[in-house]
PDB file of N, CA and C in Angstrom:
ATOM      1  N   PRO A   1     206.337 -26.392 -97.835  1.00  0.00           N
ATOM      2  CA  PRO A   1     205.199 -25.897 -98.584  1.00  0.00           C
ATOM      3  C   PRO A   1     204.084 -26.927 -98.673  1.00  0.00           C
ATOM      4  N   GLU A   2     202.871 -26.447 -98.746  1.00  0.00           N
ATOM      5  CA  GLU A   2     201.720 -27.326 -98.854  1.00  0.00           C
ATOM      6  C   GLU A   2     201.680 -27.981-100.230  1.00  0.00           C
ATOM      7  N   VAL A   3     201.265 -29.229-100.278  1.00  0.00           N
ATOM      8  CA  VAL A   3     201.218 -29.963-101.538  1.00  0.00           C
ATOM      9  C   VAL A   3     200.151 -29.387-102.472  1.00  0.00           C
ATOM     10  N   ASP A   4     198.995 -29.033-101.944  1.00  0.00           N
ATOM     11  CA  ASP A   4     197.896 -28.543-102.773  1.00  0.00           C
ATOM     12  C   ASP A   4     197.896 -27.034-102.955  1.00  0.00           C
ATOM     13  N   ALA A   5     198.891 -26.345-102.456  1.00  0.00           N
ATOM     14  CA  ALA A   5     198.941 -24.886-102.552  1.00  0.00           C
ATOM     15  C   ALA A   5     199.295 -24.449-103.967  1.00  0.00           C
ATOM     16  N   ARG A   6     198.937 -23.213-104.298  1.00  0.00           N
ATOM     17  CA  ARG A   6     199.307 -22.625-105.583  1.00  0.00           C
ATOM     18  C   ARG A   6     200.497 -21.710-105.347  1.00  0.00           C
ATOM     19  N   TYR A   7     201.397 -21.668-106.321  1.00  0.00           N
ATOM     20  CA  TYR A   7     202.609 -20.872-106.202  1.00  0.00           C
ATOM     21  C   TYR A   7     202.765 -19.969-107.418  1.00  0.00           C
ATOM     22  N   ALA A   8     203.530 -18.911-107.246  1.00  0.00           N
ATOM     23  CA  ALA A   8     203.905 -18.031-108.353  1.00  0.00           C
ATOM     24  C   ALA A   8     205.425 -18.100-108.469  1.00  0.00           C
ATOM     25  N   ILE A   9     205.916 -17.995-109.693  1.00  0.00           N
ATOM     26  CA  ILE A   9     207.354 -18.049-109.923  1.00  0.00           C
ATOM     27  C   ILE A   9     207.782 -16.765-110.617  1.00  0.00           C
ATOM     28  N   LYS A  10     208.751 -16.075-110.029  1.00  0.00           N
ATOM     29  CA  LYS A  10     209.318 -14.868-110.631  1.00  0.00           C
ATOM     30  C   LYS A  10     210.647 -15.269-111.253  1.00  0.00           C
ATOM     31  N   VAL A  11     210.815 -14.960-112.547  1.00  0.00           N
ATOM     32  CA  VAL A  11     212.006 -15.368-113.291  1.00  0.00           C
ATOM     33  C   VAL A  11     212.615 -14.152-113.979  1.00  0.00           C
ATOM     34  N   LEU A  12     213.946 -14.066-113.925  1.00  0.00           N
ATOM     35  CA  LEU A  12     214.670 -13.054-114.698  1.00  0.00           C
ATOM     36  C   LEU A  12     215.307 -13.751-115.886  1.00  0.00           C
ATOM     37  N   ALA A  13     214.913 -13.362-117.072  1.00  0.00           N
ATOM     38  CA  ALA A  13     215.516 -13.924-118.280  1.00  0.00           C
ATOM     39  C   ALA A  13     216.934 -13.379-118.413  1.00  0.00           C
ATOM     40  N   PRO A  14     217.909 -14.213-118.773  1.00  0.00           N
ATOM     41  CA  PRO A  14     219.312 -13.781-118.795  1.00  0.00           C
ATOM     42  C   PRO A  14     219.589 -12.617-119.741  1.00  0.00           C
ATOM     43  N   ASP A  15     218.825 -12.488-120.807  1.00  0.00           N
ATOM     44  CA  ASP A  15     219.064 -11.392-121.746  1.00  0.00           C
ATOM     45  C   ASP A  15     218.424 -10.075-121.295  1.00  0.00           C
ATOM     46  N   LEU A  16     217.693 -10.094-120.180  1.00  0.00           N
ATOM     47  CA  LEU A  16     217.016  -8.889-119.708  1.00  0.00           C
ATOM     48  C   LEU A  16     217.626  -8.307-118.433  1.00  0.00           C
ATOM     49  N   PHE A  17     218.741  -8.862-117.963  1.00  0.00           N
ATOM     50  CA  PHE A  17     219.357  -8.328-116.751  1.00  0.00           C
ATOM     51  C   PHE A  17     220.871  -8.437-116.829  1.00  0.00           C
ATOM     52  N   ASP A  18     221.534  -7.621-116.011  1.00  0.00           N
ATOM     53  CA  ASP A  18     222.988  -7.686-115.913  1.00  0.00           C
ATOM     54  C   ASP A  18     223.357  -8.100-114.490  1.00  0.00           C
ATOM     55  N   ALA A  19     224.629  -8.089-114.179  1.00  0.00           N
ATOM     56  CA  ALA A  19     225.092  -8.532-112.856  1.00  0.00           C
ATOM     57  C   ALA A  19     224.492  -7.684-111.737  1.00  0.00           C
ATOM     58  N   LYS A  20     224.338  -6.406-111.961  1.00  0.00           N
ATOM     59  CA  LYS A  20     223.751  -5.508-110.953  1.00  0.00           C
ATOM     60  C   LYS A  20     222.289  -5.890-110.679  1.00  0.00           C
ATOM     61  N   ASP A  21     221.541  -6.195-111.741  1.00  0.00           N
ATOM     62  CA  ASP A  21     220.156  -6.625-111.580  1.00  0.00           C
ATOM     63  C   ASP A  21     220.070  -7.942-110.821  1.00  0.00           C
ATOM     64  N   LEU A  22     220.996  -8.857-111.104  1.00  0.00           N
ATOM     65  CA  LEU A  22     221.002 -10.149-110.423  1.00  0.00           C
ATOM     66  C   LEU A  22     221.259  -9.970-108.932  1.00  0.00           C
ATOM     67  N   LEU A  23     222.168  -9.084-108.569  1.00  0.00           N
ATOM     68  CA  LEU A  23     222.411  -8.808-107.144  1.00  0.00           C
ATOM     69  C   LEU A  23     221.167  -8.242-106.474  1.00  0.00           C
ATOM     70  N   ARG A  24     220.476  -7.324-107.147  1.00  0.00           N
ATOM     71  CA  ARG A  24     219.256  -6.740-106.597  1.00  0.00           C
ATOM     72  C   ARG A  24     218.168  -7.814-106.458  1.00  0.00           C
ATOM     73  N   PHE A  25     218.076  -8.684-107.445  1.00  0.00           N
ATOM     74  CA  PHE A  25     217.108  -9.781-107.406  1.00  0.00           C
ATOM     75  C   PHE A  25     217.396 -10.702-106.220  1.00  0.00           C
ATOM     76  N   ARG A  26     218.653 -11.074-106.056  1.00  0.00           N
ATOM     77  CA  ARG A  26     219.018 -11.957-104.930  1.00  0.00           C
ATOM     78  C   ARG A  26     218.732 -11.293-103.588  1.00  0.00           C
ATOM     79  N   ARG A  27     218.976  -9.995-103.503  1.00  0.00           N
ATOM     80  CA  ARG A  27     218.699  -9.260-102.260  1.00  0.00           C
ATOM     81  C   ARG A  27     217.199  -9.250-101.971  1.00  0.00           C
ATOM     82  N   GLU A  28     216.397  -9.082-103.005  1.00  0.00           N
ATOM     83  CA  GLU A  28     214.940  -9.124-102.845  1.00  0.00           C
ATOM     84  C   GLU A  28     214.513 -10.475-102.283  1.00  0.00           C
ATOM     85  N   VAL A  29     215.067 -11.541-102.834  1.00  0.00           N
ATOM     86  CA  VAL A  29     214.750 -12.889-102.355  1.00  0.00           C
ATOM     87  C   VAL A  29     215.166 -13.046-100.893  1.00  0.00           C
ATOM     88  N   GLU A  30     216.368 -12.617-100.549  1.00  0.00           N
ATOM     89  CA  GLU A  30     216.858 -12.739 -99.175  1.00  0.00           C
ATOM     90  C   GLU A  30     215.964 -11.976 -98.201  1.00  0.00           C
ATOM     91  N   LEU A  31     215.584 -10.753 -98.560  1.00  0.00           N
ATOM     92  CA  LEU A  31     214.730  -9.948 -97.684  1.00  0.00           C
ATOM     93  C   LEU A  31     213.378 -10.616 -97.473  1.00  0.00           C
ATOM     94  N   LEU A  32     212.770 -11.083 -98.548  1.00  0.00           N
ATOM     95  CA  LEU A  32     211.459 -11.712 -98.421  1.00  0.00           C
ATOM     96  C   LEU A  32     211.535 -13.027 -97.652  1.00  0.00           C
ATOM     97  N   ALA A  33     212.580 -13.799 -97.891  1.00  0.00           N
ATOM     98  CA  ALA A  33     212.720 -15.089 -97.205  1.00  0.00           C
ATOM     99  C   ALA A  33     212.922 -14.908 -95.706  1.00  0.00           C
ATOM    100  N   ALA A  34     213.605 -13.839 -95.311  1.00  0.00           N
ATOM    101  CA  ALA A  34     213.902 -13.609 -93.896  1.00  0.00           C
ATOM    102  C   ALA A  34     212.832 -12.785 -93.191  1.00  0.00           C
ATOM    103  N   ALA A  35     211.916 -12.213 -93.937  1.00  0.00           N
ATOM    104  CA  ALA A  35     210.922 -11.312 -93.352  1.00  0.00           C
ATOM    105  C   ALA A  35     209.913 -12.069 -92.499  1.00  0.00           C
ATOM    106  N   PRO A  36     209.454 -11.434 -91.437  1.00  0.00           N
ATOM    107  CA  PRO A  36     208.364 -12.040 -90.664  1.00  0.00           C
ATOM    108  C   PRO A  36     207.077 -12.017 -91.492  1.00  0.00           C
ATOM    109  N   ARG A  37     206.102 -12.807 -91.111  1.00  0.00           N
ATOM    110  CA  ARG A  37     204.825 -12.815 -91.825  1.00  0.00           C
ATOM    111  C   ARG A  37     204.186 -11.440 -91.733  1.00  0.00           C
ATOM    112  N   HIS A  38     203.708 -10.948 -92.851  1.00  0.00           N
ATOM    113  CA  HIS A  38     203.046  -9.647 -92.918  1.00  0.00           C
ATOM    114  C   HIS A  38     202.036  -9.717 -94.056  1.00  0.00           C
ATOM    115  N   PRO A  39     200.845  -9.136 -93.877  1.00  0.00           N
ATOM    116  CA  PRO A  39     199.819  -9.245 -94.923  1.00  0.00           C
ATOM    117  C   PRO A  39     200.201  -8.590 -96.250  1.00  0.00           C
ATOM    118  N   SER A  40     201.179  -7.712 -96.258  1.00  0.00           N
ATOM    119  CA  SER A  40     201.581  -7.045 -97.503  1.00  0.00           C
ATOM    120  C   SER A  40     202.838  -7.638 -98.117  1.00  0.00           C
ATOM    121  N   LEU A  41     203.326  -8.750 -97.571  1.00  0.00           N
ATOM    122  CA  LEU A  41     204.523  -9.406 -98.107  1.00  0.00           C
ATOM    123  C   LEU A  41     204.200 -10.848 -98.490  1.00  0.00           C
ATOM    124  N   VAL A  42     204.743 -11.278 -99.614  1.00  0.00           N
ATOM    125  CA  VAL A  42     204.573 -12.680-100.006  1.00  0.00           C
ATOM    126  C   VAL A  42     205.626 -13.529 -99.306  1.00  0.00           C
ATOM    127  N   ARG A  43     205.314 -14.791 -99.143  1.00  0.00           N
ATOM    128  CA  ARG A  43     206.253 -15.738 -98.539  1.00  0.00           C
ATOM    129  C   ARG A  43     207.039 -16.420 -99.650  1.00  0.00           C
ATOM    130  N   VAL A  44     208.363 -16.422 -99.514  1.00  0.00           N
ATOM    131  CA  VAL A  44     209.239 -17.071-100.487  1.00  0.00           C
ATOM    132  C   VAL A  44     209.504 -18.501-100.040  1.00  0.00           C
ATOM    133  N   HIS A  45     209.333 -19.455-100.955  1.00  0.00           N
ATOM    134  CA  HIS A  45     209.519 -20.874-100.634  1.00  0.00           C
ATOM    135  C   HIS A  45     210.838 -21.435-101.156  1.00  0.00           C
ATOM    136  N   ALA A  46     211.332 -20.917-102.267  1.00  0.00           N
ATOM    137  CA  ALA A  46     212.570 -21.430-102.848  1.00  0.00           C
ATOM    138  C   ALA A  46     213.133 -20.395-103.809  1.00  0.00           C
ATOM    139  N   ALA A  47     214.435 -20.500-104.072  1.00  0.00           N
ATOM    140  CA  ALA A  47     215.093 -19.597-105.023  1.00  0.00           C
ATOM    141  C   ALA A  47     216.302 -20.305-105.591  1.00  0.00           C
ATOM    142  N   GLY A  48     216.742 -19.834-106.754  1.00  0.00           N
ATOM    143  CA  GLY A  48     217.928 -20.421-107.352  1.00  0.00           C
ATOM    144  C   GLY A  48     218.143 -19.935-108.767  1.00  0.00           C
ATOM    145  N   GLN A  49     218.984 -20.651-109.492  1.00  0.00           N
ATOM    146  CA  GLN A  49     219.242 -20.382-110.897  1.00  0.00           C
ATOM    147  C   GLN A  49     219.204 -21.701-111.646  1.00  0.00           C
ATOM    148  N   GLU A  50     218.606 -21.672-112.818  1.00  0.00           N
ATOM    149  CA  GLU A  50     218.493 -22.851-113.662  1.00  0.00           C
ATOM    150  C   GLU A  50     218.658 -22.413-115.111  1.00  0.00           C
ATOM    151  N   ARG A  51     219.628 -23.009-115.790  1.00  0.00           N
ATOM    152  CA  ARG A  51     219.882 -22.690-117.200  1.00  0.00           C
ATOM    153  C   ARG A  51     220.057 -21.192-117.427  1.00  0.00           C
ATOM    154  N   GLY A  52     220.775 -20.547-116.514  1.00  0.00           N
ATOM    155  CA  GLY A  52     221.065 -19.131-116.647  1.00  0.00           C
ATOM    156  C   GLY A  52     219.939 -18.198-116.259  1.00  0.00           C
ATOM    157  N   ARG A  53     218.873 -18.735-115.704  1.00  0.00           N
ATOM    158  CA  ARG A  53     217.737 -17.909-115.288  1.00  0.00           C
ATOM    159  C   ARG A  53     217.605 -17.944-113.773  1.00  0.00           C
ATOM    160  N   ALA A  54     217.654 -16.753-113.176  1.00  0.00           N
ATOM    161  CA  ALA A  54     217.425 -16.642-111.734  1.00  0.00           C
ATOM    162  C   ALA A  54     215.919 -16.674-111.495  1.00  0.00           C
ATOM    163  N   TYR A  55     215.501 -17.346-110.416  1.00  0.00           N
ATOM    164  CA  TYR A  55     214.071 -17.457-110.126  1.00  0.00           C
ATOM    165  C   TYR A  55     213.844 -17.529-108.627  1.00  0.00           C
ATOM    166  N   PHE A  56     212.606 -17.220-108.231  1.00  0.00           N
ATOM    167  CA  PHE A  56     212.169 -17.611-106.904  1.00  0.00           C
ATOM    168  C   PHE A  56     210.707 -18.005-106.945  1.00  0.00           C
ATOM    169  N   VAL A  57     210.368 -18.924-106.045  1.00  0.00           N
ATOM    170  CA  VAL A  57     209.020 -19.461-105.942  1.00  0.00           C
ATOM    171  C   VAL A  57     208.399 -18.850-104.693  1.00  0.00           C
ATOM    172  N   MET A  58     207.221 -18.256-104.878  1.00  0.00           N
ATOM    173  CA  MET A  58     206.557 -17.584-103.763  1.00  0.00           C
ATOM    174  C   MET A  58     205.101 -18.010-103.697  1.00  0.00           C
ATOM    175  N   GLU A  59     204.460 -17.652-102.606  1.00  0.00           N
ATOM    176  CA  GLU A  59     203.042 -17.947-102.494  1.00  0.00           C
ATOM    177  C   GLU A  59     202.287 -17.194-103.587  1.00  0.00           C
ATOM    178  N   PHE A  60     201.212 -17.798-104.052  1.00  0.00           N
ATOM    179  CA  PHE A  60     200.366 -17.170-105.062  1.00  0.00           C
ATOM    180  C   PHE A  60     199.337 -16.315-104.337  1.00  0.00           C
ATOM    181  N   VAL A  61     199.202 -15.066-104.776  1.00  0.00           N
ATOM    182  CA  VAL A  61     198.234 -14.151-104.175  1.00  0.00           C
ATOM    183  C   VAL A  61     197.197 -13.805-105.239  1.00  0.00           C
ATOM    184  N   GLU A  62     195.971 -14.184-104.972  1.00  0.00           N
ATOM    185  CA  GLU A  62     194.866 -13.918-105.897  1.00  0.00           C
ATOM    186  C   GLU A  62     194.535 -12.430-105.867  1.00  0.00           C
ATOM    187  N   GLY A  63     194.256 -11.867-107.019  1.00  0.00           N
ATOM    188  CA  GLY A  63     193.823 -10.475-107.046  1.00  0.00           C
ATOM    189  C   GLY A  63     194.364  -9.727-108.238  1.00  0.00           C
ATOM    190  N   GLU A  64     194.164  -8.424-108.190  1.00  0.00           N
ATOM    191  CA  GLU A  64     194.582  -7.541-109.268  1.00  0.00           C
ATOM    192  C   GLU A  64     195.981  -6.996-109.014  1.00  0.00           C
ATOM    193  N   THR A  65     196.628  -6.596-110.100  1.00  0.00           N
ATOM    194  CA  THR A  65     197.896  -5.892-109.962  1.00  0.00           C
ATOM    195  C   THR A  65     197.597  -4.448-109.576  1.00  0.00           C
ATOM    196  N   LEU A  66     198.585  -3.765-109.058  1.00  0.00           N
ATOM    197  CA  LEU A  66     198.407  -2.354-108.716  1.00  0.00           C
ATOM    198  C   LEU A  66     198.033  -1.561-109.968  1.00  0.00           C
ATOM    199  N   GLN A  67     198.637  -1.891-111.093  1.00  0.00           N
ATOM    200  CA  GLN A  67     198.323  -1.204-112.343  1.00  0.00           C
ATOM    201  C   GLN A  67     196.841  -1.361-112.698  1.00  0.00           C
ATOM    202  N   GLN A  68     196.279  -2.539-112.514  1.00  0.00           N
ATOM    203  CA  GLN A  68     194.861  -2.759-112.803  1.00  0.00           C
ATOM    204  C   GLN A  68     193.964  -1.970-111.855  1.00  0.00           C
ATOM    205  N   VAL A  69     194.328  -1.955-110.585  1.00  0.00           N
ATOM    206  CA  VAL A  69     193.529  -1.225-109.601  1.00  0.00           C
ATOM    207  C   VAL A  69     193.523   0.264-109.912  1.00  0.00           C
ATOM    208  N   VAL A  70     194.686   0.813-110.197  1.00  0.00           N
ATOM    209  CA  VAL A  70     194.789   2.247-110.490  1.00  0.00           C
ATOM    210  C   VAL A  70     194.012   2.595-111.762  1.00  0.00           C
ATOM    211  N   ALA A  71     194.085   1.734-112.770  1.00  0.00           N
ATOM    212  CA  ALA A  71     193.385   2.000-114.026  1.00  0.00           C
ATOM    213  C   ALA A  71     191.871   1.936-113.841  1.00  0.00           C
ATOM    214  N   ARG A  72     191.399   1.094-112.966  1.00  0.00           N
ATOM    215  CA  ARG A  72     189.966   0.877-112.770  1.00  0.00           C
ATOM    216  C   ARG A  72     189.326   1.919-111.860  1.00  0.00           C
ATOM    217  N   ARG A  73     190.021   2.369-110.863  1.00  0.00           N
ATOM    218  CA  ARG A  73     189.443   3.271-109.858  1.00  0.00           C
ATOM    219  C   ARG A  73     189.803   4.722-110.111  1.00  0.00           C
ATOM    220  N   ALA A  74     188.911   5.584-109.646  1.00  0.00           N
ATOM    221  CA  ALA A  74     189.248   7.004-109.611  1.00  0.00           C
ATOM    222  C   ALA A  74     190.385   7.159-108.618  1.00  0.00           C
ATOM    223  N   ARG A  75     191.218   8.093-108.835  1.00  0.00           N
ATOM    224  CA  ARG A  75     192.376   8.267-107.948  1.00  0.00           C
ATOM    225  C   ARG A  75     191.962   9.000-106.670  1.00  0.00           C
ATOM    226  N   ASP A  76     191.323   8.255-105.817  1.00  0.00           N
ATOM    227  CA  ASP A  76     190.837   8.764-104.545  1.00  0.00           C
ATOM    228  C   ASP A  76     192.014   8.875-103.575  1.00  0.00           C
ATOM    229  N   PRO A  77     192.209  10.024-102.950  1.00  0.00           N
ATOM    230  CA  PRO A  77     193.319  10.168-101.994  1.00  0.00           C
ATOM    231  C   PRO A  77     193.266   9.155-100.846  1.00  0.00           C
ATOM    232  N   ARG A  78     192.072   8.701-100.491  1.00  0.00           N
ATOM    233  CA  ARG A  78     191.975   7.697 -99.410  1.00  0.00           C
ATOM    234  C   ARG A  78     192.573   6.366 -99.850  1.00  0.00           C
ATOM    235  N   ASP A  79     192.382   6.008-101.135  1.00  0.00           N
ATOM    236  CA  ASP A  79     193.015   4.787-101.658  1.00  0.00           C
ATOM    237  C   ASP A  79     194.529   4.920-101.615  1.00  0.00           C
ATOM    238  N   ALA A  80     195.017   6.061-102.067  1.00  0.00           N
ATOM    239  CA  ALA A  80     196.463   6.291-102.059  1.00  0.00           C
ATOM    240  C   ALA A  80     197.013   6.215-100.637  1.00  0.00           C
ATOM    241  N   ALA A  81     196.296   6.769 -99.681  1.00  0.00           N
ATOM    242  CA  ALA A  81     196.744   6.729 -98.277  1.00  0.00           C
ATOM    243  C   ALA A  81     196.807   5.291 -97.773  1.00  0.00           C
ATOM    244  N   ARG A  82     195.823   4.464 -98.142  1.00  0.00           N
ATOM    245  CA  ARG A  82     195.832   3.048 -97.722  1.00  0.00           C
ATOM    246  C   ARG A  82     197.008   2.307 -98.353  1.00  0.00           C
ATOM    247  N   TRP A  83     197.283   2.576 -99.637  1.00  0.00           N
ATOM    248  CA  TRP A  83     198.409   1.923-100.301  1.00  0.00           C
ATOM    249  C   TRP A  83     199.729   2.314 -99.645  1.00  0.00           C
ATOM    250  N   VAL A  84     199.884   3.593 -99.342  1.00  0.00           N
ATOM    251  CA  VAL A  84     201.114   4.054 -98.693  1.00  0.00           C
ATOM    252  C   VAL A  84     201.243   3.426 -97.312  1.00  0.00           C
ATOM    253  N   ARG A  85     200.136   3.336 -96.561  1.00  0.00           N
ATOM    254  CA  ARG A  85     200.165   2.711 -95.227  1.00  0.00           C
ATOM    255  C   ARG A  85     200.585   1.249 -95.332  1.00  0.00           C
ATOM    256  N   ASP A  86     199.998   0.523 -96.295  1.00  0.00           N
ATOM    257  CA  ASP A  86     200.348  -0.897 -96.469  1.00  0.00           C
ATOM    258  C   ASP A  86     201.806  -1.064 -96.884  1.00  0.00           C
ATOM    259  N   LEU A  87     202.258  -0.217 -97.794  1.00  0.00           N
ATOM    260  CA  LEU A  87     203.653  -0.266 -98.237  1.00  0.00           C
ATOM    261  C   LEU A  87     204.601   0.043 -97.080  1.00  0.00           C
ATOM    262  N   ALA A  88     204.262   1.057 -96.290  1.00  0.00           N
ATOM    263  CA  ALA A  88     205.112   1.416 -95.145  1.00  0.00           C
ATOM    264  C   ALA A  88     205.170   0.275 -94.138  1.00  0.00           C
ATOM    265  N   GLY A  89     204.046  -0.394 -93.922  1.00  0.00           N
ATOM    266  CA  GLY A  89     204.029  -1.538 -93.008  1.00  0.00           C
ATOM    267  C   GLY A  89     204.906  -2.675 -93.503  1.00  0.00           C
ATOM    268  N   ALA A  90     204.851  -2.927 -94.809  1.00  0.00           N
ATOM    269  CA  ALA A  90     205.696  -3.990 -95.389  1.00  0.00           C
ATOM    270  C   ALA A  90     207.165  -3.625 -95.271  1.00  0.00           C
ATOM    271  N   LEU A  91     207.499  -2.365 -95.560  1.00  0.00           N
ATOM    272  CA  LEU A  91     208.900  -1.944 -95.445  1.00  0.00           C
ATOM    273  C   LEU A  91     209.382  -2.025 -93.996  1.00  0.00           C
ATOM    274  N   ALA A  92     208.522  -1.656 -93.062  1.00  0.00           N
ATOM    275  CA  ALA A  92     208.898  -1.755 -91.642  1.00  0.00           C
ATOM    276  C   ALA A  92     209.153  -3.207 -91.248  1.00  0.00           C
ATOM    277  N   ALA A  93     208.366  -4.127 -91.772  1.00  0.00           N
ATOM    278  CA  ALA A  93     208.557  -5.551 -91.464  1.00  0.00           C
ATOM    279  C   ALA A  93     209.882  -6.063 -92.018  1.00  0.00           C
ATOM    280  N   LEU A  94     210.336  -5.481 -93.130  1.00  0.00           N
ATOM    281  CA  LEU A  94     211.598  -5.917 -93.726  1.00  0.00           C
ATOM    282  C   LEU A  94     212.815  -5.406 -92.968  1.00  0.00           C
ATOM    283  N   HIS A  95     212.640  -4.397 -92.174  1.00  0.00           N
ATOM    284  CA  HIS A  95     213.789  -3.839 -91.447  1.00  0.00           C
ATOM    285  C   HIS A  95     213.856  -4.363 -90.074  1.00  0.00           C
TER     286      HIS A  95
END
């Protein structure tokens, strides 16, 4: 990883997940770490558990959340089509 780069950390608090959630979280990390570069996928740099909290460190992506975008924009079918296309491309890259 770059020294001057910005990173985001995703953490699961131990009181908010069970063993099934932890397995799903680990699978998410494995898929992202093994995925080829794709504009709709973040790059995972590290993962682990510390003090009972599972985490992974990923590249930081500047911008709005999907919830913010949907709340701000009219629900234009063309926007929805672009989101579905981007999501499908990311899923294809994971397989």
